[in-house]
Amino acid sequence: MSAFPNLTVVNHPLLHDKLRGIRDKHTHFAKFRRLIEAISQALFWEASRDLPLAPAEVETPLETTAAQKLARPIALVPILRAGLGMVNGILQIAPQAHVGMLGMYRNEETLQPVDYYRRFPPGIETMDVFLLDPMLATGGSAVAAVDKLKTTGVQHLKMLAIIAAPEGVQAVLEAHPDVPIFAAALDRQLNDKGYILPGLGDAGDRYFGT
C-alpha cells in the first residue's frame, strides 16, 4: 500500500527482479532498454485494468459470438526523451494506441521544466490518455505536462512512472489530485540536484546509451 492516495505501486516478484536490473550501474544499455520496456508493459497492464468496454460481435471459424472492445481510443504521451522507452514497450501490447509527444527538459539550476515541443493526436480529448515518464522526481515536469493535457480537454488521464520520489508524487497530488499515478517503486527521496535516491541515474542517458 502507498501512503499517497494518488499512487499505486505495482507489486510483483518479476518487477522487483527487473528493478534490480535497471538500478545496477553495470547493466548494459541494451539490457536496460529491454528491462524498461518490460516494466512499462507491466505498469500499463495494471493502469489499463479499468478501461471501459463496449459490446461487439466477432465471427469465429465456427459462429458469430458476442465480444467486447475498448470503448475509447488510447493515447500515449511520453515526456521526451526518456518517456520514449516506455512507449516502445507499451506499443508491443497496445499497437493501436495513438502517440503524442511532449518535449520538456529540466533546468539544472532551477529544477523547473522547460517546454520545447508539443504534438498531440487529433481528438485526444476523447481518449484514455497515459502520460509516460520513467522518473517522477520533483514533479515539476509531470505537473506542467498534466496542465498542458488538461488545457486540450483531456478528461481521462493517468500517469505511469517506473520510479517515483515522494516529493514528485506529492507535487502531482497537490496540483492534480484527480490524476492517478502507477509506479514500480516509490524511492526514498531526492538529492540536492533533484535526482531520485537510490534511483537509477539518468534514465534517458542509460536507455539511449549516451
C-alpha atoms as a PDB file:
ATOM      1  CA  MET A   1       0.000   0.000   0.000  1.00  0.00           C
ATOM      2  CA  SER A   2       1.155   3.534  -0.777  1.00  0.00           C
ATOM      3  CA  ALA A   3       1.000   6.394   1.697  1.00  0.00           C
ATOM      4  CA  PHE A   4      -0.254   8.596  -1.143  1.00  0.00           C
ATOM      5  CA  PRO A   5      -3.900   8.319  -2.242  1.00  0.00           C
ATOM      6  CA  ASN A   6      -2.977   9.070  -5.867  1.00  0.00           C
ATOM      7  CA  LEU A   7      -0.242   6.417  -6.120  1.00  0.00           C
ATOM      8  CA  THR A   8      -0.421   2.707  -6.917  1.00  0.00           C
ATOM      9  CA  VAL A   9       2.877   0.867  -6.526  1.00  0.00           C
ATOM     10  CA  VAL A  10       2.604  -2.275  -8.634  1.00  0.00           C
ATOM     11  CA  ASN A  11       3.984  -5.120  -6.558  1.00  0.00           C
ATOM     12  CA  HIS A  12       5.114  -8.273  -8.389  1.00  0.00           C
ATOM     13  CA  PRO A  13       8.151 -10.566  -7.954  1.00  0.00           C
ATOM     14  CA  LEU A  14       9.148 -10.246 -11.615  1.00  0.00           C
ATOM     15  CA  LEU A  15       9.015  -6.451 -11.355  1.00  0.00           C
ATOM     16  CA  HIS A  16      11.280  -6.500  -8.305  1.00  0.00           C
ATOM     17  CA  ASP A  17      13.798  -8.574 -10.242  1.00  0.00           C
ATOM     18  CA  LYS A  18      13.692  -6.245 -13.246  1.00  0.00           C
ATOM     19  CA  LEU A  19      14.041  -3.190 -10.993  1.00  0.00           C
ATOM     20  CA  ARG A  20      17.244  -4.679  -9.620  1.00  0.00           C
ATOM     21  CA  GLY A  21      18.500  -4.877 -13.194  1.00  0.00           C
ATOM     22  CA  ILE A  22      17.787  -1.254 -14.112  1.00  0.00           C
ATOM     23  CA  ARG A  23      19.238   0.037 -10.839  1.00  0.00           C
ATOM     24  CA  ASP A  24      22.529  -1.814 -11.391  1.00  0.00           C
ATOM     25  CA  LYS A  25      25.071   0.649 -12.775  1.00  0.00           C
ATOM     26  CA  HIS A  26      26.807  -2.186 -14.629  1.00  0.00           C
ATOM     27  CA  THR A  27      23.746  -3.085 -16.720  1.00  0.00           C
ATOM     28  CA  HIS A  28      24.494  -2.578 -20.428  1.00  0.00           C
ATOM     29  CA  PHE A  29      22.169  -0.145 -22.190  1.00  0.00           C
ATOM     30  CA  ALA A  30      20.841  -2.874 -24.486  1.00  0.00           C
ATOM     31  CA  LYS A  31      19.636  -4.863 -21.472  1.00  0.00           C
ATOM     32  CA  PHE A  32      18.498  -1.653 -19.764  1.00  0.00           C
ATOM     33  CA  ARG A  33      16.226  -0.961 -22.757  1.00  0.00           C
ATOM     34  CA  ARG A  34      14.635  -4.388 -22.606  1.00  0.00           C
ATOM     35  CA  LEU A  35      14.001  -4.048 -18.874  1.00  0.00           C
ATOM     36  CA  ILE A  36      12.480  -0.569 -19.174  1.00  0.00           C
ATOM     37  CA  GLU A  37      10.132  -1.800 -21.888  1.00  0.00           C
ATOM     38  CA  ALA A  38       9.114  -4.891 -19.907  1.00  0.00           C
ATOM     39  CA  ILE A  39       8.433  -2.876 -16.735  1.00  0.00           C
ATOM     40  CA  SER A  40       6.409  -0.365 -18.767  1.00  0.00           C
ATOM     41  CA  GLN A  41       4.245  -3.180 -20.101  1.00  0.00           C
ATOM     42  CA  ALA A  42       3.546  -4.427 -16.579  1.00  0.00           C
ATOM     43  CA  LEU A  43       2.576  -0.929 -15.423  1.00  0.00           C
ATOM     44  CA  PHE A  44       0.312  -0.457 -18.421  1.00  0.00           C
ATOM     45  CA  TRP A  45      -1.500  -3.750 -17.803  1.00  0.00           C
ATOM     46  CA  GLU A  46      -2.295  -2.570 -14.279  1.00  0.00           C
ATOM     47  CA  ALA A  47      -3.165   1.025 -15.196  1.00  0.00           C
ATOM     48  CA  SER A  48      -5.480  -0.078 -18.012  1.00  0.00           C
ATOM     49  CA  ARG A  49      -7.352  -2.602 -15.875  1.00  0.00           C
ATOM     50  CA  ASP A  50     -10.476  -0.412 -15.587  1.00  0.00           C
ATOM     51  CA  LEU A  51     -10.684   0.930 -19.153  1.00  0.00           C
ATOM     52  CA  PRO A  52     -14.324   0.988 -20.276  1.00  0.00           C
ATOM     53  CA  LEU A  53     -15.581  -1.621 -22.733  1.00  0.00           C
ATOM     54  CA  ALA A  54     -18.338  -1.596 -25.338  1.00  0.00           C
ATOM     55  CA  PRO A  55     -20.269  -4.565 -26.731  1.00  0.00           C
ATOM     56  CA  ALA A  56     -19.171  -6.023 -30.046  1.00  0.00           C
ATOM     57  CA  GLU A  57     -19.532  -9.105 -32.219  1.00  0.00           C
ATOM     58  CA  VAL A  58     -16.864 -11.330 -33.725  1.00  0.00           C
ATOM     59  CA  GLU A  59     -17.068 -14.129 -36.244  1.00  0.00           C
ATOM     60  CA  THR A  60     -15.097 -17.180 -35.175  1.00  0.00           C
ATOM     61  CA  PRO A  61     -14.325 -20.037 -37.607  1.00  0.00           C
ATOM     62  CA  LEU A  62     -17.498 -21.708 -36.282  1.00  0.00           C
ATOM     63  CA  GLU A  63     -20.041 -18.995 -35.488  1.00  0.00           C
ATOM     64  CA  THR A  64     -20.718 -15.367 -34.597  1.00  0.00           C
ATOM     65  CA  THR A  65     -20.433 -14.585 -30.899  1.00  0.00           C
ATOM     66  CA  ALA A  66     -20.685 -11.660 -28.526  1.00  0.00           C
ATOM     67  CA  ALA A  67     -17.434  -9.917 -27.615  1.00  0.00           C
ATOM     68  CA  GLN A  68     -16.130  -6.690 -26.114  1.00  0.00           C
ATOM     69  CA  LYS A  69     -13.956  -3.901 -27.407  1.00  0.00           C
ATOM     70  CA  LEU A  70     -12.388  -0.794 -25.905  1.00  0.00           C
ATOM     71  CA  ALA A  71     -14.933   1.979 -25.651  1.00  0.00           C
ATOM     72  CA  ARG A  72     -12.429   4.757 -26.311  1.00  0.00           C
ATOM     73  CA  PRO A  73      -9.142   5.075 -28.211  1.00  0.00           C
ATOM     74  CA  ILE A  74      -5.881   5.067 -26.249  1.00  0.00           C
ATOM     75  CA  ALA A  75      -3.205   7.757 -26.416  1.00  0.00           C
ATOM     76  CA  LEU A  76       0.322   7.500 -25.041  1.00  0.00           C
ATOM     77  CA  VAL A  77       2.073  10.788 -24.302  1.00  0.00           C
ATOM     78  CA  PRO A  78       5.736  10.417 -23.358  1.00  0.00           C
ATOM     79  CA  ILE A  79       7.721  13.251 -21.860  1.00  0.00           C
ATOM     80  CA  LEU A  80      10.740  13.369 -24.170  1.00  0.00           C
ATOM     81  CA  ARG A  81      13.153  11.882 -24.337  1.00  0.00           C
ATOM     82  CA  ALA A  82      13.230   9.177 -21.663  1.00  0.00           C
ATOM     83  CA  GLY A  83       9.494   8.506 -21.995  1.00  0.00           C
ATOM     84  CA  LEU A  84      10.049   7.115 -25.492  1.00  0.00           C
ATOM     85  CA  GLY A  85      11.435   3.928 -23.991  1.00  0.00           C
ATOM     86  CA  MET A  86       8.147   3.326 -22.218  1.00  0.00           C
ATOM     87  CA  VAL A  87       6.228   3.890 -25.460  1.00  0.00           C
ATOM     88  CA  ASN A  88       8.255   1.220 -27.233  1.00  0.00           C
ATOM     89  CA  GLY A  89       7.305  -1.350 -24.625  1.00  0.00           C
ATOM     90  CA  ILE A  90       3.616  -0.471 -24.395  1.00  0.00           C
ATOM     91  CA  LEU A  91       3.095  -0.426 -28.172  1.00  0.00           C
ATOM     92  CA  GLN A  92       4.006  -4.103 -28.229  1.00  0.00           C
ATOM     93  CA  ILE A  93       0.813  -4.895 -26.289  1.00  0.00           C
ATOM     94  CA  ALA A  94      -1.342  -1.953 -27.454  1.00  0.00           C
ATOM     95  CA  PRO A  95      -0.228  -1.316 -31.056  1.00  0.00           C
ATOM     96  CA  GLN A  96      -3.465   0.551 -31.784  1.00  0.00           C
ATOM     97  CA  ALA A  97      -2.527   3.358 -29.378  1.00  0.00           C
ATOM     98  CA  HIS A  98      -2.047   6.870 -30.707  1.00  0.00           C
ATOM     99  CA  VAL A  99       1.217   8.540 -29.655  1.00  0.00           C
ATOM    100  CA  GLY A 100       1.591  12.203 -28.767  1.00  0.00           C
ATOM    101  CA  MET A 101       4.799  13.991 -27.785  1.00  0.00           C
ATOM    102  CA  LEU A 102       5.752  16.430 -25.048  1.00  0.00           C
ATOM    103  CA  GLY A 103       9.263  17.817 -25.234  1.00  0.00           C
ATOM    104  CA  MET A 104      10.356  19.043 -21.828  1.00  0.00           C
ATOM    105  CA  TYR A 105      13.658  19.282 -20.021  1.00  0.00           C
ATOM    106  CA  ARG A 106      14.601  20.264 -16.509  1.00  0.00           C
ATOM    107  CA  ASN A 107      16.640  23.404 -15.958  1.00  0.00           C
ATOM    108  CA  GLU A 108      19.567  22.110 -13.924  1.00  0.00           C
ATOM    109  CA  GLU A 109      19.777  25.324 -11.882  1.00  0.00           C
ATOM    110  CA  THR A 110      16.124  25.998 -11.107  1.00  0.00           C
ATOM    111  CA  LEU A 111      14.945  22.346 -11.479  1.00  0.00           C
ATOM    112  CA  GLN A 112      11.895  23.783 -13.286  1.00  0.00           C
ATOM    113  CA  PRO A 113      10.550  22.269 -16.545  1.00  0.00           C
ATOM    114  CA  VAL A 114      11.163  23.986 -19.867  1.00  0.00           C
ATOM    115  CA  ASP A 115       8.688  23.182 -22.672  1.00  0.00           C
ATOM    116  CA  TYR A 116      10.194  22.957 -26.187  1.00  0.00           C
ATOM    117  CA  TYR A 117       7.877  20.660 -28.204  1.00  0.00           C
ATOM    118  CA  ARG A 118       4.244  19.613 -28.119  1.00  0.00           C
ATOM    119  CA  ARG A 119       2.208  17.492 -30.549  1.00  0.00           C
ATOM    120  CA  PHE A 120      -0.952  15.586 -29.672  1.00  0.00           C
ATOM    121  CA  PRO A 121      -3.121  13.317 -31.843  1.00  0.00           C
ATOM    122  CA  PRO A 122      -6.393  14.842 -33.101  1.00  0.00           C
ATOM    123  CA  GLY A 123      -9.280  14.081 -30.765  1.00  0.00           C
ATOM    124  CA  ILE A 124      -7.056  13.388 -27.769  1.00  0.00           C
ATOM    125  CA  GLU A 125      -9.721  14.924 -25.529  1.00  0.00           C
ATOM    126  CA  THR A 126     -11.936  11.875 -26.191  1.00  0.00           C
ATOM    127  CA  MET A 127      -9.211   9.296 -25.496  1.00  0.00           C
ATOM    128  CA  ASP A 128      -7.888   7.412 -22.495  1.00  0.00           C
ATOM    129  CA  VAL A 129      -4.526   9.131 -22.094  1.00  0.00           C
ATOM    130  CA  PHE A 130      -1.434   7.752 -20.387  1.00  0.00           C
ATOM    131  CA  LEU A 131       1.339  10.221 -19.533  1.00  0.00           C
ATOM    132  CA  LEU A 132       4.718   8.445 -19.519  1.00  0.00           C
ATOM    133  CA  ASP A 133       7.897   9.437 -17.688  1.00  0.00           C
ATOM    134  CA  PRO A 134      10.283   6.842 -16.208  1.00  0.00           C
ATOM    135  CA  MET A 135      11.401   9.067 -13.334  1.00  0.00           C
ATOM    136  CA  LEU A 136       8.911  11.135 -11.319  1.00  0.00           C
ATOM    137  CA  ALA A 137      11.409  13.261  -9.393  1.00  0.00           C
ATOM    138  CA  THR A 138      10.469  16.815  -8.354  1.00  0.00           C
ATOM    139  CA  GLY A 139       7.137  16.524 -10.146  1.00  0.00           C
ATOM    140  CA  GLY A 140       7.640  19.801 -11.975  1.00  0.00           C
ATOM    141  CA  SER A 141       7.602  18.280 -15.454  1.00  0.00           C
ATOM    142  CA  ALA A 142       4.687  15.985 -14.599  1.00  0.00           C
ATOM    143  CA  VAL A 143       2.555  18.839 -13.251  1.00  0.00           C
ATOM    144  CA  ALA A 144       3.354  21.002 -16.285  1.00  0.00           C
ATOM    145  CA  ALA A 145       2.564  18.107 -18.631  1.00  0.00           C
ATOM    146  CA  VAL A 146      -0.787  17.468 -16.969  1.00  0.00           C
ATOM    147  CA  ASP A 147      -1.550  21.185 -17.181  1.00  0.00           C
ATOM    148  CA  LYS A 148      -0.963  21.094 -20.928  1.00  0.00           C
ATOM    149  CA  LEU A 149      -3.029  17.946 -21.457  1.00  0.00           C
ATOM    150  CA  LYS A 150      -5.940  19.319 -19.473  1.00  0.00           C
ATOM    151  CA  THR A 151      -5.938  22.548 -21.486  1.00  0.00           C
ATOM    152  CA  THR A 152      -6.639  20.425 -24.579  1.00  0.00           C
ATOM    153  CA  GLY A 153      -9.725  18.999 -22.862  1.00  0.00           C
ATOM    154  CA  VAL A 154      -8.311  15.629 -21.773  1.00  0.00           C
ATOM    155  CA  GLN A 155     -10.535  14.129 -19.055  1.00  0.00           C
ATOM    156  CA  HIS A 156      -9.362  10.516 -18.798  1.00  0.00           C
ATOM    157  CA  LEU A 157      -5.736  10.739 -17.722  1.00  0.00           C
ATOM    158  CA  LYS A 158      -3.295   8.536 -15.815  1.00  0.00           C
ATOM    159  CA  MET A 159       0.458   8.734 -15.302  1.00  0.00           C
ATOM    160  CA  LEU A 160       2.968   5.883 -15.483  1.00  0.00           C
ATOM    161  CA  ALA A 161       6.384   6.270 -13.852  1.00  0.00           C
ATOM    162  CA  ILE A 162       8.857   3.470 -13.297  1.00  0.00           C
ATOM    163  CA  ILE A 163      10.415   5.059 -10.211  1.00  0.00           C
ATOM    164  CA  ALA A 164       8.823   7.848  -8.191  1.00  0.00           C
ATOM    165  CA  ALA A 165      10.107  10.081  -5.400  1.00  0.00           C
ATOM    166  CA  PRO A 166       7.796  11.152  -2.555  1.00  0.00           C
ATOM    167  CA  GLU A 167       8.356  14.804  -3.476  1.00  0.00           C
ATOM    168  CA  GLY A 168       7.131  14.239  -7.034  1.00  0.00           C
ATOM    169  CA  VAL A 169       4.092  12.226  -6.018  1.00  0.00           C
ATOM    170  CA  GLN A 170       3.133  14.928  -3.525  1.00  0.00           C
ATOM    171  CA  ALA A 171       3.565  17.670  -6.116  1.00  0.00           C
ATOM    172  CA  VAL A 172       1.194  15.909  -8.531  1.00  0.00           C
ATOM    173  CA  LEU A 173      -1.254  15.193  -5.719  1.00  0.00           C
ATOM    174  CA  GLU A 174      -1.411  18.863  -4.733  1.00  0.00           C
ATOM    175  CA  ALA A 175      -1.753  20.162  -8.307  1.00  0.00           C
ATOM    176  CA  HIS A 176      -3.850  17.383  -9.834  1.00  0.00           C
ATOM    177  CA  PRO A 177      -5.405  15.099  -7.202  1.00  0.00           C
ATOM    178  CA  ASP A 178      -7.638  13.530  -9.869  1.00  0.00           C
ATOM    179  CA  VAL A 179      -4.712  12.028 -11.809  1.00  0.00           C
ATOM    180  CA  PRO A 180      -3.691   8.548 -10.580  1.00  0.00           C
ATOM    181  CA  ILE A 181      -0.038   7.507 -10.761  1.00  0.00           C
ATOM    182  CA  PHE A 182       1.180   3.946 -11.332  1.00  0.00           C
ATOM    183  CA  ALA A 183       4.804   3.181 -10.461  1.00  0.00           C
ATOM    184  CA  ALA A 184       7.037   0.161  -9.994  1.00  0.00           C
ATOM    185  CA  ALA A 185       8.804   1.698  -6.973  1.00  0.00           C
ATOM    186  CA  LEU A 186       8.495   4.595  -4.549  1.00  0.00           C
ATOM    187  CA  ASP A 187      12.045   5.559  -3.625  1.00  0.00           C
ATOM    188  CA  ARG A 188      13.356   7.341  -0.551  1.00  0.00           C
ATOM    189  CA  GLN A 189      13.997  10.968  -1.529  1.00  0.00           C
ATOM    190  CA  LEU A 190      15.670  13.441  -3.878  1.00  0.00           C
ATOM    191  CA  ASN A 191      19.255  14.591  -3.546  1.00  0.00           C
ATOM    192  CA  ASP A 192      20.294  18.251  -3.735  1.00  0.00           C
ATOM    193  CA  LYS A 193      20.429  18.037  -7.548  1.00  0.00           C
ATOM    194  CA  GLY A 194      16.896  16.683  -7.844  1.00  0.00           C
ATOM    195  CA  TYR A 195      17.902  13.091  -8.622  1.00  0.00           C
ATOM    196  CA  ILE A 196      15.982  10.227  -7.056  1.00  0.00           C
ATOM    197  CA  LEU A 197      17.724   8.190  -4.344  1.00  0.00           C
ATOM    198  CA  PRO A 198      18.534   5.347  -4.626  1.00  0.00           C
ATOM    199  CA  GLY A 199      17.143   5.694  -8.158  1.00  0.00           C
ATOM    200  CA  LEU A 200      18.977   4.504 -11.257  1.00  0.00           C
ATOM    201  CA  GLY A 201      20.741   7.602 -12.590  1.00  0.00           C
ATOM    202  CA  ASP A 202      19.604   9.342 -15.763  1.00  0.00           C
ATOM    203  CA  ALA A 203      17.035   7.069 -17.427  1.00  0.00           C
ATOM    204  CA  GLY A 204      17.326   8.784 -20.820  1.00  0.00           C
ATOM    205  CA  ASP A 205      21.119   8.535 -20.956  1.00  0.00           C
ATOM    206  CA  ARG A 206      21.034   4.897 -19.902  1.00  0.00           C
ATOM    207  CA  TYR A 207      18.253   3.934 -22.316  1.00  0.00           C
ATOM    208  CA  PHE A 208      19.830   5.614 -25.362  1.00  0.00           C
ATOM    209  CA  GLY A 209      23.434   4.808 -24.468  1.00  0.00           C
ATOM    210  CA  THR A 210      24.510   8.469 -24.316  1.00  0.00           C
END
